C-alpha cells in the first residue's frame, strides 16, 4: 500500500522535494536487490546475452537512458554491453501496433530478440500497462528472466515478473525519478561485477575458431557439402 501523501504547502519545488524525500527512505531497502540484479546482469551480458527494456511515456525515456548507459558507459570506459530499448525501434513498433494492436508492440519484439536466460526489464509507474503485461508473459514463455520497476505494489506487472522493485509513492513523477536512481545504481553494480564475469566467461570459452554470421550449407553436383 502506498505511503500517505506527505503534507505540503510550500513552493512547487518544496512540495516536490518533500514527496521525493518521502519515497527515498523505502528505496534504501532495495540495495541488496539492485546489487544482486547487477551481478546477475553482468554475468548474463558477459556470457553473450542481452538486456531488453521497455516502458511507456516517461518510463520509455527511463528505459532508453538505461540502455544508453550499458551500450555506452556509466563512468569508466569498458566494453559495450548488449541492451535494447524496445520502444526505440520505431518502424517495428508502429508496424506491430498497426498489424497486431498496441498490446503486442513489446511482446512480439521479446519473442523476436529474447533468448533463454536473457533479462527483460519492464518499467511502469502504474504497473498496469497491457503491453508490458503481454511482454512479461512473452518473456516468461520464452525463458527470459523478467524484472519490473514499478510504482506502489501490489500491481499486475509486479505479479507478472519474477522480481520487482516498487517505488512507494503515489506520484508518477517521483516514481520515474527514483527509477532513474535505481537504473544508475544497477549500472554501477554491473560495472563492479563485470571484470569477474568476463574472467569467468573467458575460462569457459571453447578452443578453436568461432564462426560468426550466417552459414549456408548446400550440395554440389557430386553430392558434397559446400559451406559459404
C-alpha atoms as a PDB file:
ATOM      1  CA  UNK A   1       0.000   0.000   0.000  1.00  0.00           C
ATOM      2  CA  UNK A   2       1.340   3.427  -0.932  1.00  0.00           C
ATOM      3  CA  UNK A   3       2.629   5.681   1.814  1.00  0.00           C
ATOM      4  CA  UNK A   4       0.342   8.596   2.752  1.00  0.00           C
ATOM      5  CA  UNK A   5       0.830  11.686   0.622  1.00  0.00           C
ATOM      6  CA  UNK A   6       3.168  13.949   2.613  1.00  0.00           C
ATOM      7  CA  UNK A   7       1.850  17.228   3.891  1.00  0.00           C
ATOM      8  CA  UNK A   8       2.747  20.100   1.590  1.00  0.00           C
ATOM      9  CA  UNK A   9       2.157  23.809   1.476  1.00  0.00           C
ATOM     10  CA  UNK A  10       5.408  25.438   0.427  1.00  0.00           C
ATOM     11  CA  UNK A  11       6.580  26.285  -3.072  1.00  0.00           C
ATOM     12  CA  UNK A  12       6.171  23.932  -6.020  1.00  0.00           C
ATOM     13  CA  UNK A  13       9.800  22.849  -5.641  1.00  0.00           C
ATOM     14  CA  UNK A  14       9.500  22.319  -1.886  1.00  0.00           C
ATOM     15  CA  UNK A  15       6.350  20.256  -2.342  1.00  0.00           C
ATOM     16  CA  UNK A  16       8.007  18.106  -4.983  1.00  0.00           C
ATOM     17  CA  UNK A  17      11.142  17.540  -2.923  1.00  0.00           C
ATOM     18  CA  UNK A  18       9.009  16.638   0.101  1.00  0.00           C
ATOM     19  CA  UNK A  19       7.296  13.885  -1.894  1.00  0.00           C
ATOM     20  CA  UNK A  20      10.630  12.745  -3.301  1.00  0.00           C
ATOM     21  CA  UNK A  21      12.203  12.551   0.156  1.00  0.00           C
ATOM     22  CA  UNK A  22       9.270  10.521   1.457  1.00  0.00           C
ATOM     23  CA  UNK A  23       9.944   7.830  -1.154  1.00  0.00           C
ATOM     24  CA  UNK A  24      13.730   7.836  -0.754  1.00  0.00           C
ATOM     25  CA  UNK A  25      13.820   6.090   2.605  1.00  0.00           C
ATOM     26  CA  UNK A  26      11.975   2.939   1.431  1.00  0.00           C
ATOM     27  CA  UNK A  27      14.248   2.815  -1.643  1.00  0.00           C
ATOM     28  CA  UNK A  28      17.263   2.364   0.642  1.00  0.00           C
ATOM     29  CA  UNK A  29      15.926  -1.089   1.419  1.00  0.00           C
ATOM     30  CA  UNK A  30      16.455  -2.125  -2.218  1.00  0.00           C
ATOM     31  CA  UNK A  31      20.260  -2.079  -2.051  1.00  0.00           C
ATOM     32  CA  UNK A  32      20.683  -5.853  -1.883  1.00  0.00           C
ATOM     33  CA  UNK A  33      18.191  -6.437  -4.688  1.00  0.00           C
ATOM     34  CA  UNK A  34      19.962  -3.987  -7.003  1.00  0.00           C
ATOM     35  CA  UNK A  35      23.354  -5.480  -6.125  1.00  0.00           C
ATOM     36  CA  UNK A  36      22.088  -8.974  -6.960  1.00  0.00           C
ATOM     37  CA  UNK A  37      20.470  -7.785 -10.165  1.00  0.00           C
ATOM     38  CA  UNK A  38      23.683  -6.043 -11.175  1.00  0.00           C
ATOM     39  CA  UNK A  39      25.762  -9.167 -10.632  1.00  0.00           C
ATOM     40  CA  UNK A  40      23.258 -11.366 -12.466  1.00  0.00           C
ATOM     41  CA  UNK A  41      23.027  -8.924 -15.357  1.00  0.00           C
ATOM     42  CA  UNK A  42      26.817  -8.610 -15.611  1.00  0.00           C
ATOM     43  CA  UNK A  43      27.224 -12.385 -15.873  1.00  0.00           C
ATOM     44  CA  UNK A  44      24.458 -12.672 -18.449  1.00  0.00           C
ATOM     45  CA  UNK A  45      25.869  -9.889 -20.630  1.00  0.00           C
ATOM     46  CA  UNK A  46      29.425 -11.210 -20.290  1.00  0.00           C
ATOM     47  CA  UNK A  47      28.182 -14.606 -21.488  1.00  0.00           C
ATOM     48  CA  UNK A  48      26.785 -13.071 -24.684  1.00  0.00           C
ATOM     49  CA  UNK A  49      23.213 -12.479 -23.527  1.00  0.00           C
ATOM     50  CA  UNK A  50      21.281  -9.262 -23.700  1.00  0.00           C
ATOM     51  CA  UNK A  51      19.023  -6.977 -21.741  1.00  0.00           C
ATOM     52  CA  UNK A  52      15.673  -5.987 -23.230  1.00  0.00           C
ATOM     53  CA  UNK A  53      13.950  -2.969 -21.669  1.00  0.00           C
ATOM     54  CA  UNK A  54      10.530  -1.444 -22.288  1.00  0.00           C
ATOM     55  CA  UNK A  55       8.272   1.268 -20.922  1.00  0.00           C
ATOM     56  CA  UNK A  56       5.644   3.786 -21.985  1.00  0.00           C
ATOM     57  CA  UNK A  57       5.901   7.573 -21.977  1.00  0.00           C
ATOM     58  CA  UNK A  58       8.281   8.796 -19.287  1.00  0.00           C
ATOM     59  CA  UNK A  59       9.176   5.199 -18.482  1.00  0.00           C
ATOM     60  CA  UNK A  60      10.215   4.737 -22.124  1.00  0.00           C
ATOM     61  CA  UNK A  61      12.653   7.610 -21.663  1.00  0.00           C
ATOM     62  CA  UNK A  62      13.991   5.964 -18.488  1.00  0.00           C
ATOM     63  CA  UNK A  63      14.367   2.649 -20.335  1.00  0.00           C
ATOM     64  CA  UNK A  64      16.343   4.287 -23.126  1.00  0.00           C
ATOM     65  CA  UNK A  65      18.509   6.095 -20.578  1.00  0.00           C
ATOM     66  CA  UNK A  66      19.382   2.735 -19.005  1.00  0.00           C
ATOM     67  CA  UNK A  67      20.317   1.064 -22.285  1.00  0.00           C
ATOM     68  CA  UNK A  68      22.464   4.077 -23.242  1.00  0.00           C
ATOM     69  CA  UNK A  69      24.485   3.656 -20.033  1.00  0.00           C
ATOM     70  CA  UNK A  70      25.154  -0.004 -20.864  1.00  0.00           C
ATOM     71  CA  UNK A  71      25.873   0.297 -24.585  1.00  0.00           C
ATOM     72  CA  UNK A  72      27.912   3.413 -23.896  1.00  0.00           C
ATOM     73  CA  UNK A  73      29.286   3.731 -20.388  1.00  0.00           C
ATOM     74  CA  UNK A  74      28.228   4.867 -16.962  1.00  0.00           C
ATOM     75  CA  UNK A  75      31.530   6.415 -15.888  1.00  0.00           C
ATOM     76  CA  UNK A  76      34.663   4.441 -16.758  1.00  0.00           C
ATOM     77  CA  UNK A  77      35.485   3.049 -20.189  1.00  0.00           C
ATOM     78  CA  UNK A  78      34.635  -0.609 -20.746  1.00  0.00           C
ATOM     79  CA  UNK A  79      33.377  -2.942 -23.465  1.00  0.00           C
ATOM     80  CA  UNK A  80      29.896  -2.115 -24.792  1.00  0.00           C
ATOM     81  CA  UNK A  81      27.111  -4.291 -23.397  1.00  0.00           C
ATOM     82  CA  UNK A  82      24.083  -5.528 -25.315  1.00  0.00           C
ATOM     83  CA  UNK A  83      20.949  -3.667 -24.198  1.00  0.00           C
ATOM     84  CA  UNK A  84      17.932  -2.811 -26.348  1.00  0.00           C
ATOM     85  CA  UNK A  85      15.128  -0.349 -25.584  1.00  0.00           C
ATOM     86  CA  UNK A  86      12.216  -1.957 -27.430  1.00  0.00           C
ATOM     87  CA  UNK A  87      10.218   1.251 -27.855  1.00  0.00           C
ATOM     88  CA  UNK A  88      13.117   2.893 -29.725  1.00  0.00           C
ATOM     89  CA  UNK A  89      12.671   0.610 -32.752  1.00  0.00           C
ATOM     90  CA  UNK A  90      10.007   2.910 -34.170  1.00  0.00           C
ATOM     91  CA  UNK A  91       9.378   1.180 -37.501  1.00  0.00           C
ATOM     92  CA  UNK A  92       8.874  -2.187 -35.811  1.00  0.00           C
ATOM     93  CA  UNK A  93       6.847  -0.580 -33.029  1.00  0.00           C
ATOM     94  CA  UNK A  94       4.422   1.149 -35.385  1.00  0.00           C
ATOM     95  CA  UNK A  95       4.160  -1.818 -37.743  1.00  0.00           C
ATOM     96  CA  UNK A  96       3.368  -4.202 -34.904  1.00  0.00           C
ATOM     97  CA  UNK A  97       0.898  -1.768 -33.392  1.00  0.00           C
ATOM     98  CA  UNK A  98      -0.810  -1.309 -36.745  1.00  0.00           C
ATOM     99  CA  UNK A  99      -0.965  -5.012 -37.634  1.00  0.00           C
ATOM    100  CA  UNK A 100      -1.397  -6.691 -34.237  1.00  0.00           C
ATOM    101  CA  UNK A 101      -2.611  -3.983 -31.872  1.00  0.00           C
ATOM    102  CA  UNK A 102      -0.840  -1.856 -29.259  1.00  0.00           C
ATOM    103  CA  UNK A 103      -0.783  -4.578 -26.553  1.00  0.00           C
ATOM    104  CA  UNK A 104       1.598  -6.576 -28.786  1.00  0.00           C
ATOM    105  CA  UNK A 105       4.178  -3.861 -29.540  1.00  0.00           C
ATOM    106  CA  UNK A 106       6.678  -5.178 -26.982  1.00  0.00           C
ATOM    107  CA  UNK A 107       5.659  -8.834 -26.733  1.00  0.00           C
ATOM    108  CA  UNK A 108       6.365  -9.538 -30.390  1.00  0.00           C
ATOM    109  CA  UNK A 109       9.809  -7.954 -30.107  1.00  0.00           C
ATOM    110  CA  UNK A 110      10.517 -10.036 -26.999  1.00  0.00           C
ATOM    111  CA  UNK A 111       9.697 -13.171 -28.997  1.00  0.00           C
ATOM    112  CA  UNK A 112      11.985 -11.970 -31.800  1.00  0.00           C
ATOM    113  CA  UNK A 113      15.012 -10.842 -29.794  1.00  0.00           C
ATOM    114  CA  UNK A 114      14.848 -12.664 -26.479  1.00  0.00           C
ATOM    115  CA  UNK A 115      16.760 -15.851 -25.797  1.00  0.00           C
ATOM    116  CA  UNK A 116      16.530 -18.167 -22.826  1.00  0.00           C
ATOM    117  CA  UNK A 117      18.128 -16.626 -19.722  1.00  0.00           C
ATOM    118  CA  UNK A 118      18.240 -13.138 -21.266  1.00  0.00           C
ATOM    119  CA  UNK A 119      16.830 -10.448 -18.993  1.00  0.00           C
ATOM    120  CA  UNK A 120      13.694  -8.430 -19.649  1.00  0.00           C
ATOM    121  CA  UNK A 121      13.268  -5.278 -17.550  1.00  0.00           C
ATOM    122  CA  UNK A 122       9.831  -3.624 -17.676  1.00  0.00           C
ATOM    123  CA  UNK A 123       9.292  -0.128 -16.283  1.00  0.00           C
ATOM    124  CA  UNK A 124       5.885   1.284 -15.328  1.00  0.00           C
ATOM    125  CA  UNK A 125       4.589   3.799 -12.808  1.00  0.00           C
ATOM    126  CA  UNK A 126       1.171   2.129 -12.669  1.00  0.00           C
ATOM    127  CA  UNK A 127       2.185  -1.488 -13.142  1.00  0.00           C
ATOM    128  CA  UNK A 128      -0.972  -1.981 -15.200  1.00  0.00           C
ATOM    129  CA  UNK A 129       0.016  -1.320 -18.833  1.00  0.00           C
ATOM    130  CA  UNK A 130      -1.394  -4.022 -21.103  1.00  0.00           C
ATOM    131  CA  UNK A 131       1.594  -4.004 -23.471  1.00  0.00           C
ATOM    132  CA  UNK A 132       4.040  -4.528 -20.602  1.00  0.00           C
ATOM    133  CA  UNK A 133       1.939  -7.327 -19.129  1.00  0.00           C
ATOM    134  CA  UNK A 134       1.909  -9.015 -22.546  1.00  0.00           C
ATOM    135  CA  UNK A 135       5.690  -8.580 -22.777  1.00  0.00           C
ATOM    136  CA  UNK A 136       6.138 -10.183 -19.358  1.00  0.00           C
ATOM    137  CA  UNK A 137       4.059 -13.188 -20.411  1.00  0.00           C
ATOM    138  CA  UNK A 138       6.006 -13.500 -23.669  1.00  0.00           C
ATOM    139  CA  UNK A 139       9.299 -13.224 -21.816  1.00  0.00           C
ATOM    140  CA  UNK A 140       8.439 -15.895 -19.277  1.00  0.00           C
ATOM    141  CA  UNK A 141       7.168 -18.212 -22.026  1.00  0.00           C
ATOM    142  CA  UNK A 142      10.495 -17.782 -23.854  1.00  0.00           C
ATOM    143  CA  UNK A 143      12.556 -18.475 -20.732  1.00  0.00           C
ATOM    144  CA  UNK A 144      13.749 -14.914 -20.031  1.00  0.00           C
ATOM    145  CA  UNK A 145      14.236 -13.547 -16.532  1.00  0.00           C
ATOM    146  CA  UNK A 146      11.630 -10.825 -16.037  1.00  0.00           C
ATOM    147  CA  UNK A 147      12.240  -7.897 -13.687  1.00  0.00           C
ATOM    148  CA  UNK A 148       9.925  -4.998 -13.001  1.00  0.00           C
ATOM    149  CA  UNK A 149      10.443  -1.405 -11.896  1.00  0.00           C
ATOM    150  CA  UNK A 150       7.030  -0.113 -10.854  1.00  0.00           C
ATOM    151  CA  UNK A 151       5.152   2.259  -8.626  1.00  0.00           C
ATOM    152  CA  UNK A 152       3.498   1.035  -5.433  1.00  0.00           C
ATOM    153  CA  UNK A 153       2.870  -2.694  -5.130  1.00  0.00           C
ATOM    154  CA  UNK A 154       0.882  -4.834  -5.349  1.00  0.00           C
ATOM    155  CA  UNK A 155       0.187  -4.282  -9.015  1.00  0.00           C
ATOM    156  CA  UNK A 156      -0.316  -6.616 -12.006  1.00  0.00           C
ATOM    157  CA  UNK A 157       3.163  -6.107 -13.511  1.00  0.00           C
ATOM    158  CA  UNK A 158       4.895  -6.832 -10.207  1.00  0.00           C
ATOM    159  CA  UNK A 159       2.954 -10.091 -10.044  1.00  0.00           C
ATOM    160  CA  UNK A 160       3.801 -10.951 -13.663  1.00  0.00           C
ATOM    161  CA  UNK A 161       7.576 -10.532 -13.208  1.00  0.00           C
ATOM    162  CA  UNK A 162       9.946 -12.884 -11.421  1.00  0.00           C
ATOM    163  CA  UNK A 163      11.126  -9.977  -9.252  1.00  0.00           C
ATOM    164  CA  UNK A 164      10.063  -6.373  -8.827  1.00  0.00           C
ATOM    165  CA  UNK A 165      11.367  -3.168  -7.287  1.00  0.00           C
ATOM    166  CA  UNK A 166       8.430  -0.961  -6.308  1.00  0.00           C
ATOM    167  CA  UNK A 167       8.770   2.747  -5.567  1.00  0.00           C
ATOM    168  CA  UNK A 168       6.439   3.584  -2.698  1.00  0.00           C
ATOM    169  CA  UNK A 169       4.965   6.860  -3.924  1.00  0.00           C
ATOM    170  CA  UNK A 170       1.562   7.816  -5.368  1.00  0.00           C
ATOM    171  CA  UNK A 171       3.253  10.432  -7.582  1.00  0.00           C
ATOM    172  CA  UNK A 172       4.206   9.159 -11.046  1.00  0.00           C
ATOM    173  CA  UNK A 173       6.867  11.881 -11.337  1.00  0.00           C
ATOM    174  CA  UNK A 174       8.562  10.698  -8.148  1.00  0.00           C
ATOM    175  CA  UNK A 175       8.350   7.080  -9.283  1.00  0.00           C
ATOM    176  CA  UNK A 176      10.064   7.906 -12.581  1.00  0.00           C
ATOM    177  CA  UNK A 177      12.775   9.948 -10.879  1.00  0.00           C
ATOM    178  CA  UNK A 178      13.596   7.140  -8.473  1.00  0.00           C
ATOM    179  CA  UNK A 179      13.507   4.602 -11.291  1.00  0.00           C
ATOM    180  CA  UNK A 180      16.385   6.618 -12.756  1.00  0.00           C
ATOM    181  CA  UNK A 181      18.237   6.392  -9.432  1.00  0.00           C
ATOM    182  CA  UNK A 182      17.646   2.636  -9.405  1.00  0.00           C
ATOM    183  CA  UNK A 183      18.886   2.366 -13.010  1.00  0.00           C
ATOM    184  CA  UNK A 184      22.100   4.223 -12.202  1.00  0.00           C
ATOM    185  CA  UNK A 185      22.731   2.069  -9.125  1.00  0.00           C
ATOM    186  CA  UNK A 186      22.049  -1.063 -11.194  1.00  0.00           C
ATOM    187  CA  UNK A 187      24.599   0.056 -13.793  1.00  0.00           C
ATOM    188  CA  UNK A 188      27.126   0.759 -11.042  1.00  0.00           C
ATOM    189  CA  UNK A 189      26.735  -2.797  -9.753  1.00  0.00           C
ATOM    190  CA  UNK A 190      27.021  -4.172 -13.299  1.00  0.00           C
ATOM    191  CA  UNK A 191      30.324  -2.355 -13.747  1.00  0.00           C
ATOM    192  CA  UNK A 192      31.627  -3.659 -10.415  1.00  0.00           C
ATOM    193  CA  UNK A 193      30.704  -7.254 -11.238  1.00  0.00           C
ATOM    194  CA  UNK A 194      31.763  -7.171 -14.893  1.00  0.00           C
ATOM    195  CA  UNK A 195      35.524  -7.928 -14.548  1.00  0.00           C
ATOM    196  CA  UNK A 196      34.842 -11.150 -12.636  1.00  0.00           C
ATOM    197  CA  UNK A 197      32.014 -12.031 -15.010  1.00  0.00           C
ATOM    198  CA  UNK A 198      34.245 -11.547 -18.050  1.00  0.00           C
ATOM    199  CA  UNK A 199      37.002 -13.633 -16.453  1.00  0.00           C
ATOM    200  CA  UNK A 200      34.550 -16.435 -15.811  1.00  0.00           C
ATOM    201  CA  UNK A 201      33.325 -16.226 -19.388  1.00  0.00           C
ATOM    202  CA  UNK A 202      36.895 -16.357 -20.725  1.00  0.00           C
ATOM    203  CA  UNK A 203      37.551 -19.522 -18.709  1.00  0.00           C
ATOM    204  CA  UNK A 204      34.593 -21.173 -20.433  1.00  0.00           C
ATOM    205  CA  UNK A 205      35.481 -20.077 -23.988  1.00  0.00           C
ATOM    206  CA  UNK A 206      35.828 -23.180 -26.209  1.00  0.00           C
ATOM    207  CA  UNK A 207      39.088 -23.764 -28.043  1.00  0.00           C
ATOM    208  CA  UNK A 208      39.254 -23.130 -31.775  1.00  0.00           C
ATOM    209  CA  UNK A 209      37.739 -20.527 -34.048  1.00  0.00           C
ATOM    210  CA  UNK A 210      34.213 -19.306 -33.518  1.00  0.00           C
ATOM    211  CA  UNK A 211      32.066 -18.848 -36.625  1.00  0.00           C
ATOM    212  CA  UNK A 212      30.075 -15.656 -36.922  1.00  0.00           C
ATOM    213  CA  UNK A 213      27.430 -14.507 -39.338  1.00  0.00           C
ATOM    214  CA  UNK A 214      25.248 -16.823 -41.405  1.00  0.00           C
ATOM    215  CA  UNK A 215      26.393 -20.241 -42.530  1.00  0.00           C
ATOM    216  CA  UNK A 216      24.674 -21.743 -45.582  1.00  0.00           C
ATOM    217  CA  UNK A 217      25.145 -25.423 -46.423  1.00  0.00           C
ATOM    218  CA  UNK A 218      24.375 -26.527 -49.991  1.00  0.00           C
ATOM    219  CA  UNK A 219      25.258 -29.556 -52.080  1.00  0.00           C
ATOM    220  CA  UNK A 220      27.431 -29.524 -55.196  1.00  0.00           C
ATOM    221  CA  UNK A 221      26.833 -31.734 -58.212  1.00  0.00           C
ATOM    222  CA  UNK A 222      28.832 -34.551 -56.630  1.00  0.00           C
ATOM    223  CA  UNK A 223      26.712 -34.518 -53.501  1.00  0.00           C
ATOM    224  CA  UNK A 224      29.390 -32.945 -51.323  1.00  0.00           C
ATOM    225  CA  UNK A 225      28.588 -30.220 -48.823  1.00  0.00           C
ATOM    226  CA  UNK A 226      29.830 -26.744 -49.659  1.00  0.00           C
ATOM    227  CA  UNK A 227      29.840 -24.164 -46.828  1.00  0.00           C
ATOM    228  CA  UNK A 228      29.504 -20.450 -47.556  1.00  0.00           C
END
